[in-house]
Protein backbone atom coordinates (compact mmCIF):
# COMPACT_ATOMS: atom_id res chain seq x y z
CA MET A 1 0.15 -0.14 0.03
CA ILE A 2 1.42 3.47 -0.94
CA ASP A 3 1.27 6.51 0.53
CA LEU A 4 -1.05 9.48 -1.08
CA ASN A 5 1.85 11.69 -1.57
CA GLU A 6 4.07 9.20 -3.33
CA ALA A 7 1.38 7.80 -5.57
CA ARG A 8 0.81 11.36 -6.94
CA LYS A 9 4.54 12.11 -7.19
CA GLN A 10 5.06 8.47 -9.28
CA ILE A 11 2.22 9.34 -11.30
CA VAL A 12 3.23 12.54 -12.00
CA LYS A 13 6.64 11.43 -12.98
CA ALA A 14 5.51 9.15 -15.33
CA ALA A 15 3.14 11.75 -17.35
CA PRO A 16 4.91 12.90 -20.49
CA VAL A 17 4.88 16.12 -21.88
CA LEU A 18 3.29 16.02 -25.21
CA GLY A 19 4.61 17.66 -27.81
CA ARG A 20 3.08 20.44 -29.71
CA GLU A 21 0.61 21.79 -32.42
CA SER A 22 -0.38 24.58 -34.50
CA VAL A 23 -3.92 26.05 -33.72
CA HIS A 24 -5.40 29.25 -34.44
CA ILE A 25 -5.57 31.67 -31.85
CA LEU A 26 -9.35 31.21 -30.57
CA GLU A 27 -8.56 27.48 -29.94
CA SER A 28 -5.46 28.18 -27.98
CA LEU A 29 -7.37 29.91 -24.91
CA ARG A 30 -6.39 28.24 -21.60
CA ARG A 31 -3.76 26.14 -23.31
CA VAL A 32 0.24 26.08 -22.90
CA LEU A 33 2.33 28.21 -25.08
CA ALA A 34 5.25 25.79 -26.89
CA GLU A 35 7.09 28.50 -28.36
CA ASP A 36 8.42 32.02 -27.41
CA ILE A 37 6.35 34.54 -28.77
CA VAL A 38 8.93 37.45 -30.47
CA VAL A 39 7.95 40.76 -32.27
CA MET A 40 8.78 40.80 -35.99
CA GLU A 41 7.94 44.69 -36.25
CA ASP A 42 7.94 47.61 -34.03
CA PHE A 43 4.59 48.39 -32.51
CA PRO A 44 3.17 51.01 -33.47
CA ALA A 45 5.21 50.83 -36.80
CA MET A 46 4.72 54.44 -37.38
CA ASP A 47 4.31 57.56 -35.19
CA MET A 48 0.89 57.38 -34.07
CA SER A 49 -1.58 60.54 -32.29
CA ALA A 50 -2.11 59.37 -28.95
CA MET A 51 -5.14 62.27 -28.95
CA ASP A 52 -7.58 64.45 -31.01
CA GLY A 53 -5.90 67.47 -31.65
CA TYR A 54 -3.32 68.93 -34.22
CA ALA A 55 0.05 67.81 -35.46
CA VAL A 56 2.23 70.46 -35.74
CA ARG A 57 6.35 71.55 -35.97
CA HIS A 58 7.13 72.62 -32.55
CA THR A 59 9.12 74.94 -33.14
CA SER A 60 5.57 76.69 -34.57
CA LEU A 61 4.91 77.26 -30.64
CA HIS A 62 7.71 79.31 -29.94
CA GLY A 63 6.56 81.95 -27.31
CA VAL A 64 2.83 80.95 -27.35
CA CYS A 65 0.68 81.63 -24.05
CA GLY A 66 -2.73 82.63 -23.27
CA ARG A 67 -2.07 86.37 -24.03
CA ASN A 68 -0.10 85.45 -27.09
CA PRO A 69 -1.63 82.92 -28.69
CA VAL A 70 -0.28 81.57 -32.17
CA ARG A 71 -2.02 80.69 -35.30
CA LEU A 72 -1.56 77.87 -37.49
CA ARG A 73 -2.77 77.53 -41.16
CA ILE A 74 -4.71 74.06 -41.45
CA VAL A 75 -3.07 71.90 -44.42
CA GLY A 76 -5.20 68.91 -44.27
CA GLU A 77 -6.55 66.18 -41.90
CA SER A 78 -5.42 63.00 -40.86
CA ALA A 79 -7.86 60.37 -39.41
CA ALA A 80 -7.40 56.82 -38.31
CA GLY A 81 -6.42 54.83 -41.39
CA ARG A 82 -6.65 57.46 -43.55
CA PRO A 83 -3.30 59.62 -43.18
CA CYS A 84 -3.20 62.85 -44.91
CA GLY A 85 0.06 62.50 -47.21
CA VAL A 86 0.95 66.32 -46.94
CA SER A 87 4.22 67.63 -45.25
CA VAL A 88 4.07 70.08 -42.00
CA GLY A 89 5.96 73.16 -42.55
CA ASP A 90 6.51 76.08 -39.81
CA GLY A 91 3.27 77.81 -39.14
CA GLU A 92 1.04 75.14 -40.46
CA ALA A 93 -0.89 72.38 -38.74
CA VAL A 94 -2.86 68.93 -39.76
CA ARG A 95 -6.10 68.14 -38.14
CA ILE A 96 -5.54 64.83 -36.32
CA MET A 97 -7.56 62.04 -34.73
CA THR A 98 -6.66 59.47 -32.14
CA GLY A 99 -4.66 56.63 -33.67
CA ALA A 100 -3.96 58.80 -37.16
CA LEU A 101 -0.68 58.75 -38.15
CA VAL A 102 1.40 61.65 -37.45
CA PRO A 103 2.16 63.44 -41.06
CA GLU A 104 5.68 64.25 -42.00
CA GLY A 105 7.06 67.37 -40.55
CA ALA A 106 5.00 67.31 -37.33
CA ASP A 107 6.81 66.24 -34.18
CA THR A 108 3.92 67.36 -31.57
CA VAL A 109 0.16 67.27 -31.04
CA VAL A 110 -1.59 69.81 -29.31
CA ARG A 111 -4.54 68.65 -27.46
CA LEU A 112 -7.94 69.83 -29.18
CA GLU A 113 -9.20 71.17 -25.70
CA GLY A 114 -6.40 73.56 -26.00
CA THR A 115 -6.89 75.08 -29.40
CA GLU A 116 -9.89 77.19 -31.32
CA GLU A 117 -10.51 77.07 -35.04
CA ASP A 118 -10.92 79.82 -36.90
CA GLY A 119 -11.55 80.83 -40.45
CA GLY A 120 -9.04 77.92 -41.58
CA PHE A 121 -6.63 78.20 -38.90
CA CYS A 122 -5.89 76.62 -35.55
CA VAL A 123 -5.50 78.94 -32.67
CA CYS A 124 -3.35 77.94 -29.92
CA THR A 125 -3.02 79.43 -26.62
CA ASN A 126 -0.39 76.60 -24.96
CA ASP A 127 2.93 74.52 -25.73
CA PRO A 128 2.72 71.14 -24.60
CA GLY A 129 6.00 70.08 -25.22
CA ARG A 130 8.02 68.85 -27.97
CA GLY A 131 6.91 65.12 -28.57
CA ASP A 132 3.70 65.50 -26.74
CA GLY A 133 0.60 63.63 -27.87
CA ILE A 134 2.42 61.44 -30.02
CA ARG A 135 2.64 57.12 -29.71
CA PHE A 136 6.19 56.94 -31.20
CA ARG A 137 7.23 53.90 -33.18
CA GLY A 138 8.34 50.82 -31.34
CA GLU A 139 6.74 52.80 -28.09
CA SER A 140 4.55 49.80 -26.85
CA LEU A 141 6.91 46.53 -28.47
CA SER A 142 10.14 46.54 -30.33
CA LYS A 143 11.19 44.44 -32.87
CA GLY A 144 12.87 41.55 -31.29
CA GLN A 145 11.34 41.88 -27.88
CA VAL A 146 9.74 38.51 -26.60
CA VAL A 147 6.37 39.09 -25.13
CA LEU A 148 5.18 36.01 -24.26
CA ARG A 149 7.50 32.72 -23.30
CA ALA A 150 6.64 29.22 -23.97
CA GLY A 151 5.17 27.68 -20.98
CA ASP A 152 2.90 30.81 -20.26
CA VAL A 153 -1.01 29.85 -20.31
CA ILE A 154 -3.37 31.44 -22.70
CA SER A 155 -6.02 33.96 -21.54
CA PRO A 156 -8.03 36.32 -23.43
CA VAL A 157 -5.37 38.83 -22.92
CA GLU A 158 -2.72 36.69 -24.46
CA VAL A 159 -5.12 36.12 -27.58
CA GLY A 160 -5.59 39.81 -27.76
CA VAL A 161 -1.49 40.33 -27.82
CA LEU A 162 -1.28 37.52 -30.64
CA ALA A 163 -3.99 39.20 -32.76
CA THR A 164 -2.03 42.52 -32.37
CA LEU A 165 1.21 40.61 -33.00
CA ARG A 166 -0.76 39.41 -36.17
CA ARG A 167 -0.46 35.80 -35.22
CA ALA A 168 -3.52 34.15 -36.69
CA CYS A 169 -1.90 30.52 -35.49
CA VAL A 170 0.43 29.92 -32.56
CA TYR A 171 1.82 26.61 -31.36
CA VAL A 172 0.73 25.11 -28.09
CA HIS A 173 1.20 21.68 -26.00
CA GLN A 174 -1.11 19.12 -27.69
CA LYS A 175 -4.25 17.86 -25.60
CA PRO A 176 -3.86 14.51 -24.36
CA LEU A 177 -6.78 11.87 -25.36
CA VAL A 178 -8.45 9.86 -22.82
CA ALA A 179 -10.20 6.82 -23.26
CA ILE A 180 -12.84 6.28 -20.34
CA PHE A 181 -14.72 2.85 -19.90
CA SER A 182 -16.90 1.69 -17.08
CA THR A 183 -17.13 -2.36 -16.01
CA GLY A 184 -19.99 -4.17 -14.76
CA ASP A 185 -22.95 -6.12 -15.94
CA GLU A 186 -25.08 -3.73 -13.52
CA LEU A 187 -24.82 -1.17 -15.62
CA THR A 188 -27.11 0.89 -18.23
CA ASP A 189 -26.78 3.59 -20.62
CA PHE A 190 -28.85 6.03 -22.28
CA HIS A 191 -29.29 3.88 -25.25
CA GLU A 192 -30.77 1.14 -23.40
CA PRO A 193 -34.15 0.83 -21.74
CA PRO A 194 -34.33 1.34 -18.03
CA SER A 195 -34.33 -1.82 -15.84
CA PRO A 196 -34.89 -1.99 -12.04
CA TRP A 197 -31.76 -4.37 -11.65
CA LYS A 198 -29.39 -1.90 -13.31
CA ILE A 199 -28.11 1.67 -12.58
CA MET A 200 -26.68 4.17 -14.99
CA CYS A 201 -23.00 4.69 -15.72
CA SER A 202 -23.06 8.11 -14.11
CA ASN A 203 -18.87 7.50 -13.74
CA LEU A 204 -18.60 7.32 -17.64
CA TYR A 205 -20.22 10.83 -17.83
CA ALA A 206 -18.86 12.08 -14.73
CA LEU A 207 -15.33 11.16 -15.93
CA ALA A 208 -15.78 12.64 -19.15
CA ALA A 209 -16.82 15.99 -18.03
CA GLN A 210 -13.69 16.19 -15.68
CA VAL A 211 -11.63 15.63 -18.43
CA GLU A 212 -13.34 18.14 -20.64
CA GLU A 213 -13.05 20.52 -17.39
CA VAL A 214 -8.88 20.06 -17.31
CA GLY A 215 -8.97 20.82 -21.11
CA ALA A 216 -8.34 17.35 -22.36
CA VAL A 217 -10.13 15.62 -24.96
CA PRO A 218 -12.35 12.53 -23.32
CA LEU A 219 -12.96 9.34 -25.53
CA CYS A 220 -16.19 7.56 -24.30
CA LEU A 221 -15.93 3.65 -25.01
CA GLY A 222 -18.83 2.83 -23.09
CA VAL A 223 -19.78 -0.02 -20.51
CA VAL A 224 -18.04 -3.50 -21.15
CA GLN A 225 -19.35 -6.56 -19.52
CA ASP A 226 -17.77 -8.67 -16.56
CA ASP A 227 -16.00 -10.65 -18.97
CA LEU A 228 -12.08 -11.00 -19.27
CA GLU A 229 -12.11 -11.12 -23.35
CA ALA A 230 -14.35 -8.20 -23.46
CA GLN A 231 -12.57 -6.42 -21.37
CA LYS A 232 -9.19 -7.16 -22.92
CA SER A 233 -10.89 -6.25 -26.08
CA LEU A 234 -12.02 -2.71 -24.91
CA LEU A 235 -8.53 -2.21 -23.36
CA SER A 236 -6.70 -2.66 -26.06
CA GLN A 237 -9.01 0.02 -28.31
CA GLY A 238 -8.55 2.43 -25.58
CA LEU A 239 -4.62 2.16 -25.89
CA ARG A 240 -4.73 4.30 -29.04
CA ALA A 241 -5.46 7.25 -26.04
CA ASP A 242 -2.69 8.95 -24.11
CA VAL A 243 -4.46 7.70 -20.94
CA VAL A 244 -6.67 5.18 -20.41
CA ILE A 245 -9.20 5.07 -17.27
CA THR A 246 -11.38 2.55 -16.20
CA SER A 247 -14.15 2.27 -13.15
CA GLY A 248 -15.26 -0.62 -11.55
CA GLY A 249 -13.99 -4.48 -10.99
CA LEU A 250 -10.91 -3.45 -8.82
CA SER A 251 -12.39 -5.47 -5.75
CA ARG A 252 -11.32 -9.51 -5.16
CA GLY A 253 -14.54 -10.54 -6.13
CA LYS A 254 -15.43 -13.43 -9.08
CA TYR A 255 -16.19 -10.73 -11.41
CA ASP A 256 -13.69 -8.39 -10.61
CA LEU A 257 -11.31 -8.77 -13.42
CA VAL A 258 -9.79 -5.56 -14.19
CA ARG A 259 -6.51 -6.56 -12.51
CA LYS A 260 -6.55 -9.70 -15.18
CA SER A 261 -7.26 -7.64 -17.99
CA PHE A 262 -4.22 -5.10 -17.06
CA ALA A 263 -1.74 -7.85 -16.35
CA SER A 264 -2.74 -9.75 -19.41
CA LEU A 265 -1.94 -6.74 -21.70
CA GLY A 266 1.52 -6.21 -20.03
CA VAL A 267 0.36 -3.15 -18.31
CA ASP A 268 3.45 -2.32 -15.90
CA ILE A 269 1.90 -2.13 -12.49
CA LYS A 270 3.25 0.62 -10.39
CA PHE A 271 1.11 0.61 -7.36
CA SER A 272 -2.61 -1.20 -6.74
CA ASN A 273 -3.59 0.32 -3.31
CA ILE A 274 -3.43 3.72 -1.92
CA LEU A 275 -3.77 5.08 1.93
CA LEU A 276 -6.99 6.91 0.89
CA LYS A 277 -10.42 6.47 1.74
CA PRO A 278 -12.87 6.44 -0.65
CA GLY A 279 -10.52 5.49 -3.78
CA LYS A 280 -8.15 2.81 -1.78
CA PRO A 281 -8.56 0.36 -4.32
CA MET A 282 -6.69 2.23 -7.15
CA ILE A 283 -4.49 0.89 -9.91
CA PHE A 284 -1.94 2.74 -11.36
CA GLY A 285 0.39 1.52 -14.84
CA THR A 286 1.85 2.35 -17.58
CA ILE A 287 2.23 0.54 -21.00
CA GLY A 288 4.32 2.28 -24.03
CA GLY A 289 4.26 5.51 -22.61
CA LYS A 290 0.50 5.39 -22.05
CA LEU A 291 -0.68 6.22 -18.28
CA ILE A 292 -3.47 3.43 -16.83
CA PHE A 293 -5.89 3.94 -14.25
CA GLY A 294 -7.91 1.81 -12.70
CA LEU A 295 -10.62 3.52 -10.45
CA PRO A 296 -13.16 2.14 -8.00
CA GLY A 297 -16.76 2.00 -9.00
CA SER A 298 -17.96 4.43 -6.29
CA PRO A 299 -18.81 7.88 -7.63
CA SER A 300 -17.34 9.71 -4.81
CA ALA A 301 -13.93 7.73 -4.94
CA VAL A 302 -13.74 8.32 -8.77
CA MET A 303 -14.24 11.76 -8.68
CA LEU A 304 -11.85 12.44 -5.79
CA SER A 305 -9.19 10.13 -7.67
CA PHE A 306 -9.22 12.09 -10.92
CA ASP A 307 -8.73 15.35 -8.75
CA GLN A 308 -5.92 14.00 -6.85
CA PHE A 309 -4.22 12.00 -9.01
CA ILE A 310 -5.29 12.04 -12.80
CA LYS A 311 -5.60 16.13 -12.98
CA PRO A 312 -2.26 16.96 -11.93
CA ALA A 313 -0.97 14.16 -14.86
CA ILE A 314 -3.14 15.74 -17.42
CA LEU A 315 -1.90 18.70 -16.68
CA LYS A 316 1.64 18.17 -17.03
CA MET A 317 1.08 16.52 -20.12
CA MET A 318 -0.40 19.60 -21.77
CA GLY A 319 2.86 21.27 -20.71
CA HIS A 320 1.56 23.38 -17.38
CA PRO A 321 4.49 24.07 -15.38
CA GLY A 322 5.52 23.22 -12.02
CA VAL A 323 2.62 20.50 -11.60
CA SER A 324 2.67 18.86 -8.20
CA HIS A 325 -0.62 18.46 -7.16
CA ALA A 326 -4.15 20.18 -8.97
CA SER A 327 -6.13 20.16 -5.62
CA GLN A 328 -5.80 19.70 -2.09
CA GLY A 329 -8.51 19.15 0.92
CA ARG A 330 -12.00 18.42 -0.52
CA SER A 331 -12.95 18.63 -3.53
CA HIS A 332 -15.35 21.34 -4.99
CA TRP A 333 -18.09 18.45 -6.06
CA ARG A 334 -18.16 17.47 -2.41
CA ASP A 335 -19.12 20.82 -1.27
CA VAL A 336 -22.93 20.68 0.64
CA ASN A 337 -24.17 23.56 -1.10
CA GLY A 338 -23.39 22.09 -4.68
CA PRO A 339 -25.77 20.59 -6.72
CA SER A 340 -24.21 17.17 -6.50
CA PHE A 341 -24.84 17.24 -2.84
CA LEU A 342 -28.65 16.41 -3.71
CA ILE A 343 -27.72 12.90 -5.24
CA ASP A 344 -26.45 10.99 -2.32
CA SER A 345 -24.43 8.67 -4.75
CA PHE A 346 -21.98 11.69 -4.97
CA ALA A 347 -21.83 12.23 -1.38
CA PRO A 348 -19.75 10.28 1.65
CA GLY A 349 -21.62 7.11 2.71
CA HIS A 350 -24.05 6.67 5.13
CA THR A 351 -24.31 4.02 7.85
CA CYS A 352 -27.09 1.33 7.65
CA PRO A 353 -28.08 -0.76 10.25
CA SER A 354 -25.56 -3.37 9.91
CA GLY A 355 -22.97 -0.34 10.39
CA ILE A 356 -21.35 -1.02 7.28
CA GLN A 357 -20.68 2.93 5.68
CA ARG A 358 -22.19 3.01 2.08
CA ALA A 359 -24.23 5.21 -0.31
CA SER A 360 -27.69 4.55 -1.50
CA LEU A 361 -29.05 5.79 -4.66
CA VAL A 362 -31.82 7.43 -2.84
CA PRO A 363 -31.92 11.18 -3.64
CA MET A 364 -30.28 13.19 -0.92
CA GLY A 365 -33.46 15.45 0.81
CA ARG A 366 -35.81 12.39 0.66
CA PRO A 367 -36.64 10.30 3.65
CA SER A 368 -34.38 7.22 3.88
CA PRO A 369 -36.60 3.99 3.66
CA LEU A 370 -33.83 2.62 6.44
CA ASN A 371 -34.64 5.22 9.20
CA GLY A 372 -37.08 7.75 8.12
CA ARG A 373 -34.66 10.59 8.37
CA SER A 374 -33.15 12.60 5.34
CA ALA A 375 -29.81 11.68 4.01
CA ARG A 376 -28.87 15.36 4.77
CA GLU A 377 -29.90 14.93 8.35
CA GLN A 378 -28.15 11.58 8.00
CA MET A 379 -24.86 13.24 7.22
CA GLY A 380 -24.85 15.48 10.44
CA PRO A 381 -23.40 19.11 10.49
CA PRO A 382 -21.68 20.01 7.23
CA ASP A 383 -18.07 20.00 8.96
CA SER A 384 -18.26 16.51 10.24
CA ALA A 385 -16.03 13.90 8.62
CA PRO A 386 -17.00 12.61 5.63
CA ALA A 387 -17.57 8.71 6.05
CA ARG A 388 -16.64 5.99 3.43
CA SER A 389 -18.37 5.31 0.44
CA ASP A 390 -18.56 1.97 -1.23
CA ASN A 391 -19.03 1.00 -4.55
CA VAL A 392 -22.33 2.37 -6.21
CA ALA A 393 -21.99 2.80 -9.95
CA ASN A 394 -19.12 1.86 -12.00
């Protein structure tokens, strides 16, 4: 039996960092850069106006003040995206808008609020200083500058930066493909009619959702019977993925065959029991660089095991730096205020008359047929320690 921290350490160490792929920047959100992003040209590429006003030569403003205004002849207009194409000389001005190209000859922009326009002339009453009102070439970003580095996680801010640099596509680490299937003759799926002696394969969908949430790609292989050859066949199909996760079939009973199917295909088992409840009977192994996880059948154990062990490995595979563990303490899905708490197969176990800790399929909040109390009442105060929950749905 292995300690929780040692188990997590072994799993993360065995997880390979996947290669890179080029994706459109809108598909790069929340993914990890696999290249440094270098500025290929100055930004802005030319001197631009930082405000509405008039582009002038600073020498034309010599001695200007409120009692000694300067009249400059307006010789053109420069709007954003529409440069005027004239050169500014002494005693001249070009009407200019924010983001417009500063015309040749001008070296200062006088703010609109500090001027008046009179009969084709700009009347200036103050000297803002040479170079004022201009965003000079390369002021924001200069050619050769590294603005984003490999290992950075892309957020909407980085998407905006990439678009500014005219980078339509970018290299990011690949998403791992995660194959998932559940074992058990007692399981059913949506395409099958309901049966009183069968239960839904909730783990299949919960795990797929967790895989999607972390940013990987789930490959749902469905439900497999308690048959060794059938499990071996489905496991072989799953080996085309980077990670394989099974749920259920880990006990020592007659129909618990996951260990045998792993062994028969040559999976190198690293450990098979953890000092953790729920989640003790967990298997981790590798084969050909693939990570293989066998999880118990209890939904609470499955989701906790994913958070504690599989999620950090997937994050590392996607290039996230400094991954040790992705969650600490109680996972969000066990929050008493969360929607999953209303389904007690996703919550800590309850005590039946024999004293065995187990979870029923009675929705929380309804009276339990065991003792007439609601499952929430049976749980006790929210801060009480959670009890073990054994297999409910694989």
